[in-house]
Amino acid sequence: MKILVTGAAGFIGMHVCERLIARGDEVVGIDNLNDYYSPQLKTDRLNRLIPNAAFRFIKLDVADRAGIEALFAAEQFGRVIHLAAQAGVRYSIKNPHAYADSNLVGFVNILEGCRHNKVQHLVYASSSSVYGGNTKMPFCESDSVDHPVSLYAATKKANELMAHTYSHLYDLPTTGLRFFTVYGPWGRPDMAPFLFTSAILEGRPINVFNHGQMKRDFTYIDDIVEGVLRTVDRPAEPAADFNPDKPDAALSYAPYRVFNIGNSDPVELMDFIGAIENSIGMKATKNFLPMQDGDVPATYADTEALKAWTGFVPSTSVVDGVARFAAWYRAYYSI
C-alpha cells in the first residue's frame, strides 16, 4: 500500500516510516524542515530513510494548499498518517500564528486531500494536552476535553472536531491518537529527556518545574509506533452502540475514533531524572522553578480503548526506555 507520512523528518515520523518500509509498504514522506529545532537532526533522520527504495521524500509544507492538492492528486495514497504539526506547548504562547498555519490550515489541507482522493483511512496525531485542566485520573477518551490550557492543546482539540466533521460529511474514516509524552532515540531536543541529558552531560543545571511535583505518563517511541501501525491497519468505523441522547465523546455514528497511546504508568519527574542520572552515571544539579504557563501537573492515560480496538498495550518501562535513549544520545553526539 502507498502511505503518506507527514512530518517524516520528525521524531515520531522517522520511526513510523522505518516500520512501514520494513513491512513492505511504499512510503511518501513530506516535511517542511523548519528550524523550530535543529534542522541537522531532521536531516540526519531523513538520511536513515532516503536510501530505502520504498521511500520517497518531498519537501513540502502542509500549509501549502496548492502543493498538498497536487501531491494527493498525483500520488493517490491508500492511507495517510498525519504527524506534521507545530509542536510545543510553551512555544505556542509566544508564536500563536505558527500553530494556526500548521495545525489548523495544514490539517484542513490534509482533510481535503483525503476527501477528494478517496483515501481509505486518515490517522492523525492528537495529544494528551487536550485534557487540559482535567484532574480526574486516568484520562479517558470519553472525558470532556473542553478546557485546554494552551493554544497548542486547543489546536489539537480543533483537529479532532474537524476530523469528525469530515467523517460525518464525507464518510472519511479518521482516527486521532492522543500521544502521551513520547521519548526515545532520535527524540526532540525541546523535550525534557533531551534537555536533561544534554545539560547533565555538559555540567549545566537542569530546570525542574513545579518544584519537581510533576507526573508524566512517559511513553517509549517503539510503543507509540506500534500503536500507530495497529490503528492505521484498522480503519475507524461507526460505533454500533453510540447513543446520541447520551453521546460518548470517544465514539460516533460516523467512522471516527480517538485513542490514548500512553504507558498507563505515570512516573514522578524526580524518578525520571533519577533514571537519566543512573543511565549516564552522572548526577544533575537541579534548579527548582514554579509551574510554567500552559503546563499541567500530571498526565495518565487510560488505554483500555486502544487495547480493545487493536489488542496492543504499551509496556516499555522508563528504566529500559531511558537507557536506550541515553545510549543513542552518547553515540549520536560522540560523548
Protein backbone atom coordinates (compact mmCIF):
# COMPACT_ATOMS: atom_id res chain seq x y z
CA MET A 1 0.00 0.00 0.00
CA LYS A 2 1.13 3.55 -0.70
CA ILE A 3 1.05 5.58 2.51
CA LEU A 4 1.68 9.28 3.04
CA VAL A 5 3.50 10.21 6.25
CA THR A 6 3.56 13.93 7.01
CA GLY A 7 6.27 15.17 9.33
CA ALA A 8 8.52 12.38 8.07
CA ALA A 9 11.68 14.09 9.31
CA GLY A 10 10.21 14.41 12.79
CA PHE A 11 10.86 12.19 15.78
CA ILE A 12 7.75 10.01 15.52
CA GLY A 13 7.58 10.39 11.74
CA MET A 14 11.01 8.88 11.09
CA HIS A 15 10.31 5.85 13.27
CA VAL A 16 6.89 5.29 11.68
CA CYS A 17 8.42 5.45 8.20
CA GLU A 18 11.08 2.92 9.15
CA ARG A 19 8.48 0.44 10.37
CA LEU A 20 6.27 0.91 7.31
CA ILE A 21 9.22 0.38 4.98
CA ALA A 22 10.32 -2.72 6.93
CA ARG A 23 6.94 -4.35 6.50
CA GLY A 24 6.81 -3.64 2.75
CA ASP A 25 4.71 -0.51 2.30
CA GLU A 26 5.53 2.20 -0.22
CA VAL A 27 6.05 5.41 1.76
CA VAL A 28 5.99 9.02 0.62
CA GLY A 29 7.23 11.36 3.34
CA ILE A 30 6.82 15.12 3.45
CA ASP A 31 8.24 17.71 5.84
CA ASN A 32 8.97 21.44 5.67
CA LEU A 33 12.24 21.02 7.64
CA ASN A 34 11.60 24.18 9.66
CA ASP A 35 14.04 25.47 12.27
CA TYR A 36 11.88 25.10 15.39
CA TYR A 37 14.75 22.86 16.47
CA SER A 38 17.96 21.67 14.79
CA PRO A 39 17.38 21.11 11.06
CA GLN A 40 20.54 18.97 11.12
CA LEU A 41 18.82 16.44 13.37
CA LYS A 42 15.92 16.32 10.92
CA THR A 43 18.32 15.85 8.00
CA ASP A 44 20.09 13.04 9.83
CA ARG A 45 16.77 11.31 10.44
CA LEU A 46 15.92 11.60 6.75
CA ASN A 47 19.30 10.16 5.83
CA ARG A 48 18.22 6.94 7.53
CA LEU A 49 15.16 6.75 5.28
CA ILE A 50 16.28 8.02 1.88
CA PRO A 51 18.48 5.02 0.95
CA ASN A 52 15.39 2.78 1.02
CA ALA A 53 13.90 2.23 -2.43
CA ALA A 54 10.43 2.09 -0.90
CA PHE A 55 10.73 5.65 0.45
CA ARG A 56 10.48 8.99 -1.32
CA PHE A 57 10.88 12.37 0.33
CA ILE A 58 9.25 15.60 -0.84
CA LYS A 59 9.98 18.87 0.91
CA LEU A 60 6.55 20.38 1.37
CA ASP A 61 4.68 22.36 4.00
CA VAL A 62 1.20 21.07 4.91
CA ALA A 63 0.05 24.71 4.93
CA ASP A 64 0.82 24.92 1.18
CA ARG A 65 -2.68 24.37 -0.16
CA ALA A 66 -1.78 24.09 -3.83
CA GLY A 67 1.19 21.85 -3.09
CA ILE A 68 -0.87 19.46 -0.97
CA GLU A 69 -3.65 19.35 -3.56
CA ALA A 70 -1.16 18.46 -6.28
CA LEU A 71 0.54 15.83 -4.11
CA PHE A 72 -2.69 13.98 -3.33
CA ALA A 73 -3.89 14.13 -6.93
CA ALA A 74 -0.62 12.78 -8.28
CA GLU A 75 0.05 10.05 -5.72
CA GLN A 76 -3.39 8.60 -4.89
CA PHE A 77 -2.49 7.38 -1.41
CA GLY A 78 -4.27 4.44 0.15
CA ARG A 79 -3.86 5.73 3.69
CA VAL A 80 -2.45 8.81 5.38
CA ILE A 81 -0.57 9.17 8.67
CA HIS A 82 -0.57 12.86 9.55
CA LEU A 83 2.14 13.68 12.10
CA ALA A 84 3.24 17.11 10.87
CA ALA A 85 2.41 19.94 13.27
CA GLN A 86 3.93 22.88 15.02
CA ALA A 87 4.87 21.21 18.28
CA GLY A 88 5.45 22.56 21.77
CA VAL A 89 3.15 23.87 24.48
CA ARG A 90 5.35 26.75 25.63
CA TYR A 91 6.29 27.90 22.13
CA SER A 92 2.60 28.38 21.34
CA ILE A 93 2.33 31.13 23.95
CA LYS A 94 4.79 33.32 22.06
CA ASN A 95 4.19 32.19 18.48
CA PRO A 96 0.46 31.56 18.02
CA HIS A 97 0.36 32.13 14.27
CA ALA A 98 2.74 29.24 13.64
CA TYR A 99 0.13 26.94 15.20
CA ALA A 100 -2.73 28.40 13.21
CA ASP A 101 -0.81 27.92 9.95
CA SER A 102 0.44 24.38 10.55
CA ASN A 103 -2.07 22.80 12.91
CA LEU A 104 -5.28 24.35 11.61
CA VAL A 105 -4.75 25.39 7.97
CA GLY A 106 -2.43 22.45 7.40
CA PHE A 107 -4.93 19.97 8.81
CA VAL A 108 -7.74 21.29 6.62
CA ASN A 109 -5.47 20.80 3.61
CA ILE A 110 -4.84 17.18 4.62
CA LEU A 111 -8.55 16.54 5.19
CA GLU A 112 -9.38 17.99 1.79
CA GLY A 113 -6.71 15.86 0.14
CA CYS A 114 -8.15 12.74 1.73
CA ARG A 115 -11.72 13.72 0.85
CA HIS A 116 -11.10 14.37 -2.82
CA ASN A 117 -8.84 11.38 -3.46
CA LYS A 118 -10.70 8.52 -1.77
CA VAL A 119 -8.17 7.89 0.99
CA GLN A 120 -9.23 4.79 2.91
CA HIS A 121 -8.15 5.96 6.38
CA LEU A 122 -6.62 9.07 7.94
CA VAL A 123 -4.71 8.59 11.19
CA TYR A 124 -3.52 11.82 12.77
CA ALA A 125 -1.57 12.93 15.82
CA SER A 126 -3.59 14.46 18.60
CA SER A 127 -2.11 14.95 22.07
CA SER A 128 -2.61 14.26 25.76
CA SER A 129 -2.61 18.05 26.12
CA VAL A 130 -6.27 18.10 25.03
CA TYR A 131 -7.19 17.01 28.57
CA GLY A 132 -6.07 20.45 29.72
CA GLY A 133 -7.32 21.34 33.18
CA ASN A 134 -8.86 17.91 33.85
CA THR A 135 -7.85 16.37 37.19
CA LYS A 136 -9.71 13.03 37.07
CA MET A 137 -7.14 10.30 36.51
CA PRO A 138 -6.56 8.36 34.39
CA PHE A 139 -7.53 10.44 31.38
CA CYS A 140 -10.14 8.59 29.33
CA GLU A 141 -11.27 9.27 25.76
CA SER A 142 -14.85 9.63 26.93
CA ASP A 143 -13.91 12.54 29.24
CA SER A 144 -14.78 16.10 28.29
CA VAL A 145 -11.81 17.93 26.76
CA ASP A 146 -13.28 21.41 26.62
CA HIS A 147 -10.81 23.19 28.91
CA PRO A 148 -7.44 23.50 27.13
CA VAL A 149 -4.66 25.40 28.91
CA SER A 150 -2.50 26.18 25.86
CA LEU A 151 -3.10 27.18 22.25
CA TYR A 152 -1.25 24.02 21.18
CA ALA A 153 -3.83 21.93 23.06
CA ALA A 154 -6.66 23.95 21.54
CA THR A 155 -5.40 23.27 18.01
CA LYS A 156 -5.20 19.54 18.72
CA LYS A 157 -8.76 19.52 20.04
CA ALA A 158 -9.78 21.50 16.95
CA ASN A 159 -8.20 18.79 14.78
CA GLU A 160 -10.41 16.18 16.42
CA LEU A 161 -13.51 18.29 15.78
CA MET A 162 -12.50 18.94 12.17
CA ALA A 163 -11.85 15.24 11.61
CA HIS A 164 -15.27 14.32 12.96
CA THR A 165 -16.90 16.76 10.56
CA TYR A 166 -15.20 15.11 7.58
CA SER A 167 -16.06 11.64 8.89
CA HIS A 168 -19.70 12.75 9.11
CA LEU A 169 -19.98 14.69 5.86
CA TYR A 170 -17.81 12.57 3.57
CA ASP A 171 -17.73 9.15 5.26
CA LEU A 172 -13.95 9.51 5.66
CA PRO A 173 -12.61 7.13 8.33
CA THR A 174 -10.46 9.16 10.75
CA THR A 175 -8.58 8.12 13.88
CA GLY A 176 -6.96 10.58 16.26
CA LEU A 177 -4.15 9.40 18.54
CA ARG A 178 -3.57 11.23 21.79
CA PHE A 179 0.14 10.71 22.41
CA PHE A 180 1.45 10.89 25.98
CA THR A 181 4.98 12.35 26.50
CA VAL A 182 6.88 10.45 23.82
CA TYR A 183 10.62 9.87 24.30
CA GLY A 184 13.41 7.70 22.93
CA PRO A 185 16.27 7.67 20.39
CA TRP A 186 16.17 10.49 17.83
CA GLY A 187 13.85 12.44 20.15
CA ARG A 188 13.05 16.14 20.11
CA PRO A 189 15.66 18.50 21.62
CA ASP A 190 12.95 20.70 23.18
CA MET A 191 11.59 17.91 25.38
CA ALA A 192 12.63 17.06 28.93
CA PRO A 193 14.61 13.82 28.31
CA PHE A 194 16.80 15.55 25.73
CA LEU A 195 17.14 18.77 27.73
CA PHE A 196 18.02 16.95 30.95
CA THR A 197 20.52 14.59 29.32
CA SER A 198 22.37 17.30 27.43
CA ALA A 199 22.56 19.57 30.48
CA ILE A 200 23.82 16.87 32.83
CA LEU A 201 26.50 15.68 30.40
CA GLU A 202 27.63 19.27 29.83
CA GLY A 203 27.67 20.10 33.56
CA ARG A 204 24.81 22.60 33.39
CA PRO A 205 21.94 22.74 35.90
CA ILE A 206 18.55 21.42 34.80
CA ASN A 207 15.31 23.34 35.27
CA VAL A 208 12.80 21.33 37.29
CA PHE A 209 9.38 22.95 37.10
CA ASN A 210 6.66 22.95 39.75
CA HIS A 211 9.49 22.21 42.18
CA GLY A 212 9.56 18.62 40.94
CA GLN A 213 5.91 17.94 41.82
CA MET A 214 5.07 16.59 38.38
CA LYS A 215 3.99 13.24 37.00
CA ARG A 216 4.14 12.22 33.36
CA ASP A 217 2.97 9.15 31.50
CA PHE A 218 6.27 8.78 29.62
CA THR A 219 5.75 6.59 26.54
CA TYR A 220 8.61 4.99 24.64
CA ILE A 221 8.79 5.61 20.91
CA ASP A 222 8.52 1.94 19.88
CA ASP A 223 5.21 1.65 21.74
CA ILE A 224 3.92 4.79 20.03
CA VAL A 225 4.86 3.44 16.59
CA GLU A 226 3.23 0.08 17.28
CA GLY A 227 0.04 1.91 18.25
CA VAL A 228 0.14 4.00 15.06
CA LEU A 229 0.57 0.95 12.82
CA ARG A 230 -2.11 -1.06 14.60
CA THR A 231 -4.64 1.74 14.23
CA VAL A 232 -3.79 2.60 10.61
CA ASP A 233 -4.44 -1.04 9.73
CA ARG A 234 -7.95 -0.91 11.22
CA PRO A 235 -9.95 1.98 9.76
CA ALA A 236 -12.40 3.72 12.06
CA GLU A 237 -15.99 2.51 11.90
CA PRO A 238 -19.28 3.88 13.20
CA ALA A 239 -19.93 2.75 16.77
CA ALA A 240 -22.98 0.48 16.84
CA ASP A 241 -23.69 1.39 20.45
CA PHE A 242 -23.39 5.17 20.06
CA ASN A 243 -26.29 6.90 21.77
CA PRO A 244 -26.93 10.49 20.53
CA ASP A 245 -29.11 11.14 23.58
CA LYS A 246 -26.08 10.50 25.80
CA PRO A 247 -23.15 10.98 23.44
CA ASP A 248 -19.81 9.41 24.33
CA ALA A 249 -17.00 11.80 23.34
CA ALA A 250 -14.84 8.88 22.20
CA LEU A 251 -17.38 7.41 19.81
CA SER A 252 -19.65 8.46 16.93
CA TYR A 253 -22.27 7.38 14.46
CA ALA A 254 -19.64 8.40 11.87
CA PRO A 255 -16.42 6.44 11.10
CA TYR A 256 -14.46 8.36 13.73
CA ARG A 257 -12.36 7.29 16.71
CA VAL A 258 -9.85 8.76 19.16
CA PHE A 259 -7.43 6.73 21.28
CA ASN A 260 -4.94 7.41 24.03
CA ILE A 261 -1.48 5.96 23.46
CA GLY A 262 0.37 6.10 26.76
CA ASN A 263 2.28 3.81 29.08
CA SER A 264 -0.55 3.97 31.65
CA ASP A 265 2.08 4.21 34.39
CA PRO A 266 2.72 7.81 35.48
CA VAL A 267 6.25 8.45 36.73
CA GLU A 268 7.32 11.14 39.18
CA LEU A 269 9.51 13.69 37.41
CA MET A 270 12.22 13.25 40.04
CA ASP A 271 12.23 9.49 39.40
CA PHE A 272 12.55 10.09 35.67
CA ILE A 273 15.51 12.38 36.30
CA GLY A 274 16.97 9.66 38.51
CA ALA A 275 16.68 7.15 35.65
CA ILE A 276 18.63 9.52 33.40
CA GLU A 277 21.28 10.04 36.10
CA ASN A 278 21.67 6.28 36.51
CA SER A 279 21.88 5.70 32.76
CA ILE A 280 24.66 8.23 32.17
CA GLY A 281 26.42 7.82 35.50
CA MET A 282 26.24 11.48 36.49
CA LYS A 283 24.18 13.50 38.95
CA ALA A 284 22.14 16.54 37.94
CA THR A 285 22.36 19.97 39.51
CA LYS A 286 18.71 20.93 39.88
CA ASN A 287 17.21 24.39 39.56
CA PHE A 288 13.70 24.17 41.06
CA LEU A 289 11.18 26.56 39.49
CA PRO A 290 7.40 27.27 39.58
CA MET A 291 4.98 25.71 37.11
CA GLN A 292 5.17 27.16 33.60
CA ASP A 293 2.19 28.69 31.84
CA GLY A 294 0.30 26.14 29.75
CA ASP A 295 1.67 23.18 31.71
CA VAL A 296 -0.21 20.63 33.84
CA PRO A 297 0.94 18.78 36.98
CA ALA A 298 0.14 15.25 35.81
CA THR A 299 -0.83 13.05 32.86
CA TYR A 300 -2.07 9.47 32.96
CA ALA A 301 -3.52 7.51 30.04
CA ASP A 302 -6.38 5.06 30.19
CA THR A 303 -5.53 2.69 27.31
CA GLU A 304 -8.42 0.22 27.57
CA ALA A 305 -9.99 1.51 24.35
CA LEU A 306 -6.75 1.05 22.42
CA LYS A 307 -6.40 -2.46 23.80
CA ALA A 308 -9.96 -3.36 22.85
CA TRP A 309 -9.55 -1.98 19.32
CA THR A 310 -6.05 -3.24 18.48
CA GLY A 311 -5.04 -5.78 21.13
CA PHE A 312 -1.99 -3.65 21.98
CA VAL A 313 -0.94 -2.06 25.25
CA PRO A 314 2.28 0.00 25.58
CA SER A 315 4.61 -1.56 28.15
CA THR A 316 8.23 -0.35 27.85
CA SER A 317 9.48 0.64 31.29
CA VAL A 318 11.07 4.03 31.92
CA VAL A 319 14.26 2.32 33.12
CA ASP A 320 14.65 0.45 29.82
CA GLY A 321 13.50 3.32 27.63
CA VAL A 322 15.75 5.90 29.25
CA ALA A 323 18.74 3.57 28.99
CA ARG A 324 18.16 3.19 25.25
CA PHE A 325 17.75 6.93 24.82
CA ALA A 326 20.94 7.69 26.78
CA ALA A 327 22.92 5.16 24.73
CA TRP A 328 21.67 6.73 21.49
CA TYR A 329 22.45 10.24 22.74
CA ARG A 330 26.05 9.35 23.61
CA ALA A 331 26.54 7.65 20.24
CA TYR A 332 24.93 10.45 18.20
CA TYR A 333 26.94 13.20 19.89
CA SER A 334 30.08 11.06 20.38
CA ILE A 335 30.12 11.66 24.13
